[in-house]
N, C-alpha and C. Protein backbone atom coordinates (compact mmCIF):
# COMPACT_ATOMS: atom_id res chain seq x y z
N MET A 1 82.41 120.44 77.66
CA MET A 1 83.28 119.79 76.90
C MET A 1 84.31 119.47 77.29
N ARG A 2 85.09 117.90 77.89
CA ARG A 2 86.16 117.93 78.22
C ARG A 2 87.06 117.21 76.80
N THR A 3 88.27 117.88 76.83
CA THR A 3 89.07 118.02 75.39
C THR A 3 89.99 117.36 75.75
N LEU A 4 90.75 116.86 74.73
CA LEU A 4 91.60 115.95 74.67
C LEU A 4 92.58 116.17 75.69
N GLN A 5 93.26 117.42 75.61
CA GLN A 5 93.97 118.01 76.52
C GLN A 5 94.03 117.25 78.13
N GLN A 6 93.19 116.85 78.21
CA GLN A 6 92.59 116.17 79.68
C GLN A 6 93.50 114.64 79.46
N PHE A 7 93.51 114.08 78.32
CA PHE A 7 94.82 112.96 78.38
C PHE A 7 96.00 113.19 79.24
N SER A 8 96.19 112.39 80.15
CA SER A 8 97.81 111.87 80.50
C SER A 8 98.23 110.38 80.65
N ILE A 9 99.74 110.35 80.95
CA ILE A 9 100.20 108.78 81.02
C ILE A 9 100.47 108.41 81.81
N VAL A 10 100.00 106.83 82.32
CA VAL A 10 100.29 106.61 83.75
C VAL A 10 100.84 105.55 83.08
N ARG A 11 101.95 104.78 84.52
CA ARG A 11 102.46 104.18 84.37
C ARG A 11 101.94 102.68 85.45
N LEU A 12 102.11 101.57 85.18
CA LEU A 12 101.63 100.40 85.85
C LEU A 12 102.10 99.27 86.67
N HIS A 13 101.58 98.89 87.48
CA HIS A 13 102.51 97.94 88.18
C HIS A 13 103.33 97.54 87.32
N ASN A 14 102.99 96.64 86.13
CA ASN A 14 103.64 95.58 85.04
C ASN A 14 104.30 96.76 83.94
N SER A 15 104.44 97.79 84.38
CA SER A 15 105.30 98.69 83.79
C SER A 15 105.18 99.09 82.23
N THR A 16 103.58 98.13 81.95
CA THR A 16 102.76 98.89 80.22
C THR A 16 102.93 100.43 81.08
N LEU A 17 102.55 101.13 79.70
CA LEU A 17 101.99 102.22 79.24
C LEU A 17 100.63 102.31 79.02
N ARG A 18 99.78 102.90 79.87
CA ARG A 18 98.10 102.76 79.26
C ARG A 18 98.06 103.96 79.43
N TYR A 19 97.26 104.53 78.91
CA TYR A 19 95.83 106.58 78.36
C TYR A 19 94.97 105.78 79.57
N PHE A 20 95.03 107.40 80.05
CA PHE A 20 93.96 107.57 81.11
C PHE A 20 93.52 108.71 80.89
N ILE A 21 92.17 109.35 80.95
CA ILE A 21 91.61 110.25 80.86
C ILE A 21 91.97 111.11 82.59
N LYS A 22 91.92 111.99 82.91
CA LYS A 22 92.64 112.69 84.01
C LYS A 22 91.30 113.74 84.36
N GLU A 23 90.41 113.70 84.53
CA GLU A 23 89.74 115.13 84.44
C GLU A 23 89.70 115.53 86.09
N ARG A 24 89.12 117.07 85.69
CA ARG A 24 89.40 117.84 86.48
C ARG A 24 88.93 117.06 88.00
N HIS A 25 88.23 116.32 88.71
CA HIS A 25 88.24 115.52 90.11
C HIS A 25 88.19 114.27 90.01
N SER A 26 89.09 113.85 89.15
CA SER A 26 88.97 112.99 89.39
C SER A 26 89.82 111.83 90.76
N PRO A 27 89.30 111.18 90.97
CA PRO A 27 89.75 110.38 92.08
C PRO A 27 91.09 109.91 92.03
N PHE A 28 91.95 110.02 90.61
CA PHE A 28 93.00 108.88 90.60
C PHE A 28 94.02 111.02 90.89
N LYS A 29 93.25 112.37 90.95
CA LYS A 29 94.48 113.16 90.75
C LYS A 29 95.57 113.38 91.13
N ASN A 30 95.26 112.37 92.56
CA ASN A 30 96.75 112.87 93.21
C ASN A 30 97.21 111.13 94.07
N PHE A 31 96.80 110.31 93.09
CA PHE A 31 97.26 108.66 93.45
C PHE A 31 97.93 108.19 92.54
N ASN A 32 98.98 107.63 93.38
CA ASN A 32 99.96 107.69 93.16
C ASN A 32 100.15 105.69 92.40
N THR A 33 100.26 105.10 91.61
CA THR A 33 99.59 104.12 91.58
C THR A 33 101.06 103.21 90.70
N GLN A 34 102.25 103.95 91.59
CA GLN A 34 102.99 103.26 91.51
C GLN A 34 103.76 102.74 92.36
N THR A 35 102.88 103.64 93.81
CA THR A 35 104.18 103.48 94.84
C THR A 35 102.59 102.28 96.08
N HIS A 36 101.30 102.64 95.50
CA HIS A 36 100.06 102.57 96.49
C HIS A 36 100.16 100.86 96.37
N LYS A 37 99.59 99.94 97.87
CA LYS A 37 99.16 99.44 98.47
C LYS A 37 98.01 98.84 98.80
N THR A 38 97.49 97.95 98.13
CA THR A 38 96.74 96.99 99.01
C THR A 38 96.25 97.04 100.51
N ILE A 39 95.05 97.62 100.57
CA ILE A 39 95.58 97.21 102.32
C ILE A 39 95.80 96.16 102.97
N LYS A 40 94.82 95.31 102.33
CA LYS A 40 95.11 93.61 103.03
C LYS A 40 95.27 92.51 101.65
N LYS A 41 96.37 91.59 101.84
CA LYS A 41 96.73 90.87 100.73
C LYS A 41 95.41 90.17 100.83
N ARG A 42 94.91 89.77 99.15
CA ARG A 42 93.95 88.58 98.55
C ARG A 42 94.27 87.63 98.82
N LYS A 43 92.98 87.03 100.09
CA LYS A 43 92.91 85.60 100.49
C LYS A 43 93.27 84.54 98.86
N PRO A 44 94.11 83.86 99.80
CA PRO A 44 94.20 82.59 98.27
C PRO A 44 93.02 81.97 98.07
N ASN A 45 92.98 81.69 97.23
CA ASN A 45 91.24 81.82 96.17
C ASN A 45 90.12 82.70 96.46
N MET A 46 90.27 83.42 96.87
CA MET A 46 89.63 84.40 96.87
C MET A 46 89.52 85.35 95.41
N GLY A 47 88.01 85.84 95.21
CA GLY A 47 87.66 85.51 93.92
C GLY A 47 88.17 87.56 94.06
N TYR A 48 88.35 88.32 92.30
CA TYR A 48 89.17 89.12 92.21
C TYR A 48 88.30 90.12 92.72
N ILE A 49 88.15 91.47 92.96
CA ILE A 49 87.85 92.98 93.54
C ILE A 49 87.72 93.89 92.17
N TYR A 50 86.62 94.10 91.24
CA TYR A 50 86.87 94.77 90.43
C TYR A 50 85.65 96.27 90.78
N LEU A 51 85.98 97.36 89.88
CA LEU A 51 86.17 98.71 90.77
C LEU A 51 86.24 99.71 89.23
N TYR A 52 84.73 100.45 89.10
CA TYR A 52 84.60 101.30 88.54
C TYR A 52 83.70 102.32 88.66
N THR A 53 84.77 103.58 88.22
CA THR A 53 84.70 104.64 89.14
C THR A 53 84.31 105.68 87.65
N GLY A 54 84.27 107.01 87.83
CA GLY A 54 84.31 108.01 87.53
C GLY A 54 82.78 108.62 87.22
N THR A 55 83.16 109.96 86.69
CA THR A 55 81.78 110.64 85.89
C THR A 55 81.38 110.26 84.75
N GLY A 56 82.08 109.15 83.46
CA GLY A 56 81.31 108.98 82.35
C GLY A 56 80.47 107.79 82.94
N GLY A 57 79.32 107.68 81.63
CA GLY A 57 78.16 106.93 81.28
C GLY A 57 78.75 105.44 81.41
N GLY A 58 78.64 104.36 81.87
CA GLY A 58 79.04 102.83 81.88
C GLY A 58 79.26 101.50 82.48
N LYS A 59 79.27 102.12 83.77
CA LYS A 59 80.41 101.99 84.75
C LYS A 59 79.34 100.38 85.41
N THR A 60 77.48 101.04 86.02
CA THR A 60 76.77 99.48 85.82
C THR A 60 76.36 98.71 84.15
N THR A 61 76.62 99.62 83.21
CA THR A 61 76.42 99.03 82.18
C THR A 61 77.72 97.11 82.33
N ASN A 62 79.39 97.95 82.56
CA ASN A 62 80.34 97.20 82.49
C ASN A 62 79.74 95.98 83.60
N ALA A 63 79.58 96.34 84.92
CA ALA A 63 78.83 95.98 85.94
C ALA A 63 78.19 94.54 84.93
N LEU A 64 76.90 94.99 84.19
CA LEU A 64 75.88 94.31 83.63
C LEU A 64 76.63 93.19 82.19
N GLY A 65 77.69 93.50 82.97
CA GLY A 65 78.02 92.81 80.72
C GLY A 65 78.90 90.87 82.01
N LEU A 66 79.33 91.73 82.81
CA LEU A 66 79.96 89.80 83.72
C LEU A 66 79.42 89.72 83.65
N ALA A 67 77.93 90.41 84.86
CA ALA A 67 76.87 89.59 84.62
C ALA A 67 75.97 88.59 83.78
N LEU A 68 76.46 88.86 82.34
CA LEU A 68 75.79 88.26 81.27
C LEU A 68 76.75 86.58 81.00
N ARG A 69 78.07 87.48 81.46
CA ARG A 69 78.85 86.30 80.87
C ARG A 69 78.93 85.12 81.85
N THR A 70 78.62 85.69 83.24
CA THR A 70 78.37 84.65 84.54
C THR A 70 77.09 83.63 84.77
N VAL A 71 76.42 84.31 84.25
CA VAL A 71 74.86 83.51 83.33
C VAL A 71 75.76 82.85 81.86
N GLY A 72 75.75 83.09 81.25
CA GLY A 72 76.23 82.27 80.11
C GLY A 72 76.82 81.05 80.64
N HIS A 73 77.77 81.38 81.36
CA HIS A 73 77.95 79.83 81.83
C HIS A 73 77.71 79.25 83.34
N LYS A 74 76.55 79.36 83.31
CA LYS A 74 75.44 78.73 84.26
C LYS A 74 75.67 79.01 85.47
N ARG A 75 76.33 79.85 86.19
CA ARG A 75 76.92 80.48 87.32
C ARG A 75 76.04 81.93 87.75
N ASN A 76 76.28 81.66 89.21
CA ASN A 76 75.17 82.45 89.93
C ASN A 76 75.94 83.56 90.03
N VAL A 77 74.96 84.74 90.17
CA VAL A 77 75.39 86.09 89.93
C VAL A 77 73.96 86.91 90.95
N ILE A 78 74.17 87.79 91.66
CA ILE A 78 73.55 88.93 92.98
C ILE A 78 74.12 90.28 92.44
N ILE A 79 73.30 90.91 92.29
CA ILE A 79 72.81 92.26 91.53
C ILE A 79 72.23 92.95 93.69
N ILE A 80 73.09 93.79 93.80
CA ILE A 80 72.21 94.61 95.25
C ILE A 80 72.30 96.32 94.57
N GLN A 81 71.47 96.89 94.07
CA GLN A 81 71.93 98.11 93.05
C GLN A 81 70.54 98.81 94.60
N PHE A 82 71.94 99.56 95.31
CA PHE A 82 71.95 100.87 96.18
C PHE A 82 71.45 102.02 96.14
N MET A 83 70.44 102.82 96.04
CA MET A 83 70.26 104.20 95.85
C MET A 83 69.42 103.86 94.53
N LYS A 84 69.05 103.02 93.72
CA LYS A 84 67.82 102.81 92.68
C LYS A 84 66.61 102.77 93.19
N TRP A 85 65.19 102.33 92.68
CA TRP A 85 64.44 101.63 92.96
C TRP A 85 63.47 101.71 90.98
N TRP A 86 64.05 102.04 90.47
CA TRP A 86 63.26 101.46 88.97
C TRP A 86 62.89 100.03 88.37
N LYS A 87 62.13 100.25 87.96
CA LYS A 87 61.18 98.13 88.14
C LYS A 87 61.40 98.85 86.30
N THR A 88 61.60 99.33 85.40
CA THR A 88 61.94 99.88 84.05
C THR A 88 62.99 99.07 83.24
N THR A 89 64.32 99.21 84.41
CA THR A 89 65.47 99.04 83.25
C THR A 89 65.09 97.08 82.75
N GLY A 90 65.95 96.83 81.89
CA GLY A 90 66.15 95.76 81.99
C GLY A 90 66.85 95.02 82.24
N GLU A 91 68.10 95.77 82.88
CA GLU A 91 68.65 94.10 84.06
C GLU A 91 67.43 94.24 85.37
N TYR A 92 66.19 94.48 85.45
CA TYR A 92 65.93 94.54 86.87
C TYR A 92 64.25 93.62 85.57
N LYS A 93 63.53 93.52 84.75
CA LYS A 93 62.43 92.88 84.18
C LYS A 93 63.22 92.57 83.57
N ILE A 94 64.39 91.63 83.08
CA ILE A 94 64.82 90.05 82.68
C ILE A 94 65.13 88.94 83.90
N ARG A 95 65.03 89.95 84.82
CA ARG A 95 65.54 88.43 85.71
C ARG A 95 64.76 87.48 85.97
N LYS A 96 63.11 87.10 85.23
CA LYS A 96 62.91 86.28 85.62
C LYS A 96 63.45 84.71 84.83
N THR A 97 63.75 85.53 83.27
CA THR A 97 64.23 84.98 82.46
C THR A 97 65.12 84.44 82.47
N LEU A 98 66.05 85.13 83.39
CA LEU A 98 67.10 84.11 83.47
C LEU A 98 67.46 83.69 85.03
N GLU A 99 66.44 83.85 85.27
CA GLU A 99 66.04 82.30 86.24
C GLU A 99 67.16 81.26 86.59
N PRO A 100 67.45 80.41 86.76
CA PRO A 100 68.13 80.38 88.73
C PRO A 100 69.41 80.62 88.55
N TYR A 101 70.19 81.45 87.53
CA TYR A 101 71.12 82.06 87.91
C TYR A 101 71.35 83.36 88.10
N TYR A 102 70.42 85.04 88.18
CA TYR A 102 70.48 86.38 87.84
C TYR A 102 69.21 86.37 89.03
N GLU A 103 69.64 86.86 89.81
CA GLU A 103 69.18 87.73 90.73
C GLU A 103 69.18 89.22 90.59
N ILE A 104 68.40 90.08 91.40
CA ILE A 104 68.94 91.34 90.94
C ILE A 104 67.31 92.25 92.37
N TYR A 105 67.90 93.33 92.93
CA TYR A 105 67.32 93.39 93.95
C TYR A 105 68.37 94.54 94.35
N LEU A 106 66.90 96.15 94.39
CA LEU A 106 66.59 97.29 94.54
C LEU A 106 66.38 97.37 96.24
N PHE A 107 67.61 98.42 96.64
CA PHE A 107 66.64 98.90 97.97
C PHE A 107 67.75 100.89 97.34
N GLY A 108 66.46 101.24 96.78
CA GLY A 108 66.69 103.25 97.19
C GLY A 108 65.03 103.16 97.01
N ARG A 109 65.23 105.19 97.94
CA ARG A 109 64.17 105.61 97.69
C ARG A 109 63.36 105.77 96.69
N LYS A 110 61.71 105.97 96.18
CA LYS A 110 61.24 106.28 94.95
C LYS A 110 61.75 107.63 94.99
N GLY A 111 61.89 107.91 93.32
CA GLY A 111 62.12 109.45 93.22
C GLY A 111 63.71 110.16 93.28
N TRP A 112 63.60 111.14 92.37
CA TRP A 112 64.46 111.20 93.19
C TRP A 112 65.29 112.45 93.80
N HIS A 113 65.34 112.62 94.13
CA HIS A 113 65.89 113.75 95.75
C HIS A 113 66.98 114.55 95.32
N GLY A 114 67.86 113.91 94.34
CA GLY A 114 69.95 114.77 94.64
C GLY A 114 70.21 114.64 96.08
N LEU A 115 71.42 113.74 95.84
CA LEU A 115 72.41 114.29 96.25
C LEU A 115 72.27 115.22 97.74
N ASN A 116 71.69 115.90 97.58
CA ASN A 116 72.30 116.80 99.24
C ASN A 116 70.76 116.76 99.82
N ASN A 117 69.82 115.84 99.21
CA ASN A 117 68.31 115.94 99.99
C ASN A 117 68.24 114.28 100.62
N LEU A 118 69.09 113.45 101.32
CA LEU A 118 69.66 112.49 101.37
C LEU A 118 69.19 112.44 102.66
N GLY A 119 68.42 111.20 103.42
CA GLY A 119 67.98 111.42 105.12
C GLY A 119 68.57 109.62 105.22
N LYS A 120 67.65 109.94 106.60
CA LYS A 120 67.65 108.82 107.43
C LYS A 120 66.97 107.36 106.54
N GLN A 121 65.86 108.25 105.90
CA GLN A 121 65.17 106.39 105.10
C GLN A 121 66.60 106.08 103.86
N ASP A 122 66.87 106.96 103.74
CA ASP A 122 68.48 106.58 102.78
C ASP A 122 68.94 106.00 103.36
N ARG A 123 69.78 105.99 104.67
CA ARG A 123 70.54 105.70 105.16
C ARG A 123 70.33 103.99 105.62
N GLU A 124 69.18 103.82 105.63
CA GLU A 124 68.31 102.94 106.37
C GLU A 124 68.50 101.75 105.47
N LEU A 125 68.13 102.54 104.48
CA LEU A 125 67.95 101.69 103.00
C LEU A 125 69.05 101.15 102.78
N ALA A 126 69.72 102.34 102.92
CA ALA A 126 71.95 101.79 101.98
C ALA A 126 71.99 100.75 103.14
N GLN A 127 72.13 100.38 104.22
CA GLN A 127 72.42 100.11 104.91
C GLN A 127 72.26 98.27 105.48
N LYS A 128 70.44 98.68 104.74
CA LYS A 128 69.76 97.19 105.06
C LYS A 128 70.82 96.18 103.52
N ALA A 129 70.77 97.67 102.46
CA ALA A 129 70.74 96.25 101.75
C ALA A 129 72.10 95.94 101.93
N LEU A 130 73.06 96.59 102.64
CA LEU A 130 75.12 96.25 102.75
C LEU A 130 74.61 94.97 102.95
N ASN A 131 73.53 95.04 104.24
CA ASN A 131 73.03 94.18 105.24
C ASN A 131 72.92 92.82 104.61
N PHE A 132 71.94 93.12 103.42
CA PHE A 132 71.42 92.21 102.93
C PHE A 132 72.22 91.09 102.11
N ALA A 133 72.84 92.55 100.88
CA ALA A 133 74.12 91.96 99.75
C ALA A 133 75.39 90.76 101.15
N ARG A 134 75.22 91.32 102.48
CA ARG A 134 76.26 90.13 103.20
C ARG A 134 75.96 88.44 103.72
N GLN A 135 73.68 88.35 104.32
CA GLN A 135 73.54 87.41 103.97
C GLN A 135 73.52 86.99 102.50
N ALA A 136 73.14 87.65 101.66
CA ALA A 136 73.39 86.41 100.55
C ALA A 136 74.93 86.10 100.23
N MET A 137 75.82 86.59 100.61
CA MET A 137 77.73 86.39 99.87
C MET A 137 77.53 85.15 100.58
N ILE A 138 77.10 85.14 101.81
CA ILE A 138 77.47 83.97 102.86
C ILE A 138 76.34 82.94 102.62
N SER A 139 75.21 83.20 102.05
CA SER A 139 74.47 82.14 102.27
C SER A 139 74.99 81.04 100.90
N LYS A 140 75.06 82.30 99.96
CA LYS A 140 75.07 81.61 98.74
C LYS A 140 75.93 81.27 97.49
N LYS A 141 76.94 81.67 98.68
CA LYS A 141 78.04 82.15 97.66
C LYS A 141 78.40 82.04 95.66
N PRO A 142 77.86 83.51 95.74
CA PRO A 142 77.41 83.76 94.16
C PRO A 142 79.14 83.52 93.32
N HIS A 143 78.70 82.83 92.39
CA HIS A 143 80.57 83.41 91.02
C HIS A 143 80.25 84.68 91.76
N LEU A 144 79.72 85.84 91.11
CA LEU A 144 79.50 87.21 91.09
C LEU A 144 78.70 87.55 91.81
N LEU A 145 79.00 89.37 92.21
CA LEU A 145 78.25 89.98 92.98
C LEU A 145 78.31 91.29 93.10
N VAL A 146 77.78 91.38 92.53
CA VAL A 146 77.37 93.25 91.98
C VAL A 146 76.74 93.99 93.40
N LEU A 147 77.63 95.04 93.43
CA LEU A 147 77.05 95.92 94.48
C LEU A 147 77.80 97.46 94.16
N ASP A 148 75.96 97.67 93.51
CA ASP A 148 75.65 98.64 91.91
C ASP A 148 75.89 99.91 92.93
N GLU A 149 76.17 101.09 92.41
CA GLU A 149 76.40 102.45 93.15
C GLU A 149 77.09 102.27 94.43
N ILE A 150 77.89 101.89 95.23
CA ILE A 150 77.70 101.31 96.30
C ILE A 150 79.11 102.59 96.67
N ASN A 151 79.94 102.73 95.80
CA ASN A 151 80.81 104.01 96.02
C ASN A 151 79.66 105.82 95.78
N LEU A 152 78.80 105.81 95.32
CA LEU A 152 77.91 106.51 95.60
C LEU A 152 77.23 106.93 96.79
N ALA A 153 76.69 105.61 97.43
CA ALA A 153 75.99 105.72 98.86
C ALA A 153 77.48 105.93 99.60
N LEU A 154 78.67 105.88 100.25
CA LEU A 154 79.71 105.58 99.93
C LEU A 154 80.31 107.66 100.43
N HIS A 155 80.42 107.99 99.14
CA HIS A 155 80.09 109.36 98.75
C HIS A 155 79.34 110.61 99.72
N THR A 156 78.10 109.60 99.95
CA THR A 156 77.14 110.34 100.19
C THR A 156 76.73 109.86 101.61
N LYS A 157 77.77 109.12 102.12
CA LYS A 157 77.74 108.82 103.94
C LYS A 157 76.59 108.03 104.19
N LEU A 158 75.92 107.58 102.93
CA LEU A 158 75.02 106.79 103.55
C LEU A 158 75.18 105.92 104.38
N LEU A 159 76.74 104.75 103.82
CA LEU A 159 77.10 103.94 104.21
C LEU A 159 78.41 104.45 104.88
N ASN A 160 79.68 103.73 106.06
CA ASN A 160 80.51 104.28 106.53
C ASN A 160 81.60 103.05 105.43
N ILE A 161 82.42 102.94 105.48
CA ILE A 161 84.18 102.67 104.62
C ILE A 161 83.94 101.50 105.60
N ASN A 162 84.39 101.63 106.87
CA ASN A 162 84.39 100.19 107.15
C ASN A 162 83.73 98.98 107.29
N ASP A 163 82.48 99.12 107.65
CA ASP A 163 81.57 98.36 106.72
C ASP A 163 81.69 98.35 105.68
N VAL A 164 81.83 98.54 104.59
CA VAL A 164 82.21 97.87 103.52
C VAL A 164 82.89 97.11 103.40
N LEU A 165 84.37 97.80 103.85
CA LEU A 165 85.65 97.13 104.58
C LEU A 165 85.76 95.27 104.75
N ALA A 166 84.38 95.77 105.84
CA ALA A 166 84.60 94.11 106.95
C ALA A 166 83.87 93.72 105.89
N LEU A 167 82.77 93.66 104.96
CA LEU A 167 82.13 92.48 104.42
C LEU A 167 83.44 92.46 102.77
N LEU A 168 84.10 93.01 102.73
CA LEU A 168 85.31 92.49 101.51
C LEU A 168 86.00 91.87 102.51
N ASP A 169 86.43 91.64 103.09
CA ASP A 169 87.13 89.90 104.43
C ASP A 169 86.11 89.48 104.86
N LEU A 170 85.00 89.28 104.40
CA LEU A 170 84.05 88.61 104.14
C LEU A 170 83.84 87.15 102.71
N VAL A 171 84.07 87.63 101.60
CA VAL A 171 83.54 87.65 100.16
C VAL A 171 84.47 86.09 100.58
N PRO A 172 83.24 84.51 99.55
CA PRO A 172 83.89 83.30 100.09
C PRO A 172 84.85 83.52 99.31
N LYS A 173 85.64 82.04 99.13
CA LYS A 173 86.22 81.59 98.01
C LYS A 173 85.56 81.50 96.74
N ARG A 174 86.51 81.77 96.19
CA ARG A 174 85.94 82.08 94.30
C ARG A 174 85.20 83.34 94.20
N THR A 175 84.10 83.64 94.64
CA THR A 175 83.25 84.77 95.12
C THR A 175 83.64 86.50 94.13
N HIS A 176 83.67 86.69 93.43
CA HIS A 176 84.50 88.12 92.67
C HIS A 176 83.38 89.09 92.49
N VAL A 177 83.68 90.31 92.82
CA VAL A 177 82.83 91.18 93.27
C VAL A 177 83.34 92.56 92.41
N VAL A 178 82.03 93.32 92.39
CA VAL A 178 82.21 93.82 90.92
C VAL A 178 81.67 95.60 92.04
N LEU A 179 82.40 96.46 91.99
CA LEU A 179 81.95 98.03 92.99
C LEU A 179 81.17 98.46 91.73
N THR A 180 80.48 99.46 91.79
CA THR A 180 80.45 100.24 90.69
C THR A 180 79.73 101.92 91.49
N GLY A 181 80.10 103.18 90.89
CA GLY A 181 79.49 104.28 91.62
C GLY A 181 80.54 105.60 91.12
N ARG A 182 80.48 106.34 90.69
CA ARG A 182 81.45 107.78 90.92
C ARG A 182 82.66 108.16 91.93
N TYR A 183 82.81 108.97 92.24
CA TYR A 183 83.53 109.17 93.76
C TYR A 183 84.06 107.97 94.45
N ALA A 184 84.45 107.18 94.03
CA ALA A 184 85.01 106.13 94.82
C ALA A 184 86.08 106.73 95.55
N PRO A 185 85.86 106.24 96.96
CA PRO A 185 86.79 106.67 97.95
C PRO A 185 88.07 105.79 97.94
N LYS A 186 89.57 105.72 98.08
CA LYS A 186 90.58 105.70 98.00
C LYS A 186 91.03 104.30 98.24
N GLU A 187 90.11 104.53 99.80
CA GLU A 187 90.29 103.08 100.58
C GLU A 187 89.48 101.85 99.72
N LEU A 188 88.88 102.14 98.82
CA LEU A 188 87.56 101.03 97.80
C LEU A 188 88.86 101.58 96.78
N ILE A 189 89.79 102.30 96.42
CA ILE A 189 90.93 102.19 95.41
C ILE A 189 91.68 101.49 95.66
N GLN A 190 92.09 101.58 96.55
CA GLN A 190 93.38 100.76 97.16
C GLN A 190 93.14 99.43 97.52
N ARG A 191 91.83 98.66 98.28
CA ARG A 191 90.88 97.84 98.05
C ARG A 191 90.75 96.58 96.75
N ALA A 192 90.35 97.76 96.03
CA ALA A 192 90.61 96.41 95.10
C ALA A 192 91.07 95.75 94.04
N ASP A 193 90.94 94.95 93.44
CA ASP A 193 92.18 94.41 92.42
C ASP A 193 92.64 95.10 91.01
N PHE A 194 91.16 94.90 90.46
CA PHE A 194 91.28 95.90 89.43
C PHE A 194 90.39 97.54 89.68
N VAL A 195 91.03 98.29 88.49
CA VAL A 195 90.57 99.83 89.09
C VAL A 195 90.27 100.05 87.30
N ASN A 196 88.98 100.47 87.24
CA ASN A 196 88.73 101.27 86.19
C ASN A 196 88.30 102.75 86.08
N GLU A 197 88.10 104.48 85.89
CA GLU A 197 87.91 105.07 85.20
C GLU A 197 87.37 105.83 83.86
N ILE A 198 86.35 105.68 84.67
CA ILE A 198 85.00 105.77 83.12
C ILE A 198 84.40 107.60 83.32
N VAL A 199 85.41 107.94 82.33
CA VAL A 199 84.92 109.56 81.67
C VAL A 199 84.65 109.70 80.29
N ALA A 200 83.42 110.58 80.32
CA ALA A 200 83.00 110.72 79.86
C ALA A 200 83.62 112.33 78.20
N VAL A 201 83.82 111.50 76.99
CA VAL A 201 84.65 112.33 76.43
C VAL A 201 83.97 112.77 75.45
N LYS A 202 82.84 112.14 75.08
CA LYS A 202 81.72 113.42 74.11
C LYS A 202 80.63 112.77 74.50
N ALA A 203 79.18 113.58 74.01
CA ALA A 203 78.26 113.13 74.10
C ALA A 203 77.07 114.12 74.09
N PRO A 204 76.79 114.04 73.16
CA PRO A 204 74.97 114.75 72.51
C PRO A 204 74.88 115.79 73.60
N GLN A 205 74.59 116.96 73.28
CA GLN A 205 74.08 118.07 74.50
C GLN A 205 72.98 117.79 75.23
N GLN A 206 71.90 117.00 73.97
CA GLN A 206 70.99 116.74 74.94
C GLN A 206 70.46 115.08 75.36
N ILE A 207 70.97 114.51 76.74
CA ILE A 207 70.92 113.04 76.57
C ILE A 207 69.90 112.18 76.37
N PRO A 208 69.95 111.12 75.59
CA PRO A 208 68.80 111.14 74.87
C PRO A 208 68.88 109.49 76.12
N THR A 209 67.79 109.04 75.60
CA THR A 209 67.72 107.93 77.28
C THR A 209 66.50 106.73 76.28
N THR A 210 67.68 105.82 75.94
CA THR A 210 66.81 104.98 75.49
C THR A 210 66.74 103.29 75.54
N LYS A 211 65.63 102.73 75.14
CA LYS A 211 65.14 101.87 75.67
C LYS A 211 65.87 100.41 75.28
N GLY A 212 66.13 99.63 76.16
CA GLY A 212 67.10 98.85 75.95
C GLY A 212 68.86 99.32 75.71
N ILE A 213 69.22 101.04 76.47
CA ILE A 213 70.06 101.20 75.76
C ILE A 213 70.61 102.56 77.76
N GLN A 214 69.72 103.15 77.90
CA GLN A 214 70.50 103.18 79.11
C GLN A 214 69.66 102.81 80.48
N TYR A 215 68.69 102.56 80.15
CA TYR A 215 67.37 101.59 80.38
C TYR A 215 66.93 100.74 80.60
């Protein structure tokens, strides 16, 4: 169980103080939030890039909340889920109800195999997902593009960071991108406009799997 001693204060660019939970393996452990610079300046009229990382729950849930807001304004959202295969989740089952504004696609090998047992098929699926995301982004120009678990796909070497950065350089005008997954690489932390780290502070010893909440 993490303790309150893991809280620390970090000064952001706008000189305001905010509280962050610093965990032992945080990607921000040695990251200077005052002096870092993005790799490339955001193009005029280009949407923002939002990154959700950390080992706490809620990264995908944050992205789905933005997707719901997008649909509420009758704007299009495309969700690409890396390394996921579940068709029983609420975000997948709702797809037809929210047509034509909501699209979701799964690119994962069926079954849980562990992060140390990923192989050729997993790499091919991740690359297929990235290629699909690129084509859908360019052809459909959605208001919101969610690349769910792309951080984890990079961490497990299923994708190359340069390929992902190249995709972000192609983001159309007024398309916003959400990147989720634990262990976000520093290159994406630098590239994103908004970065949020989610850390579990407290949870039951037996984690529940409640329909409509966890899936």
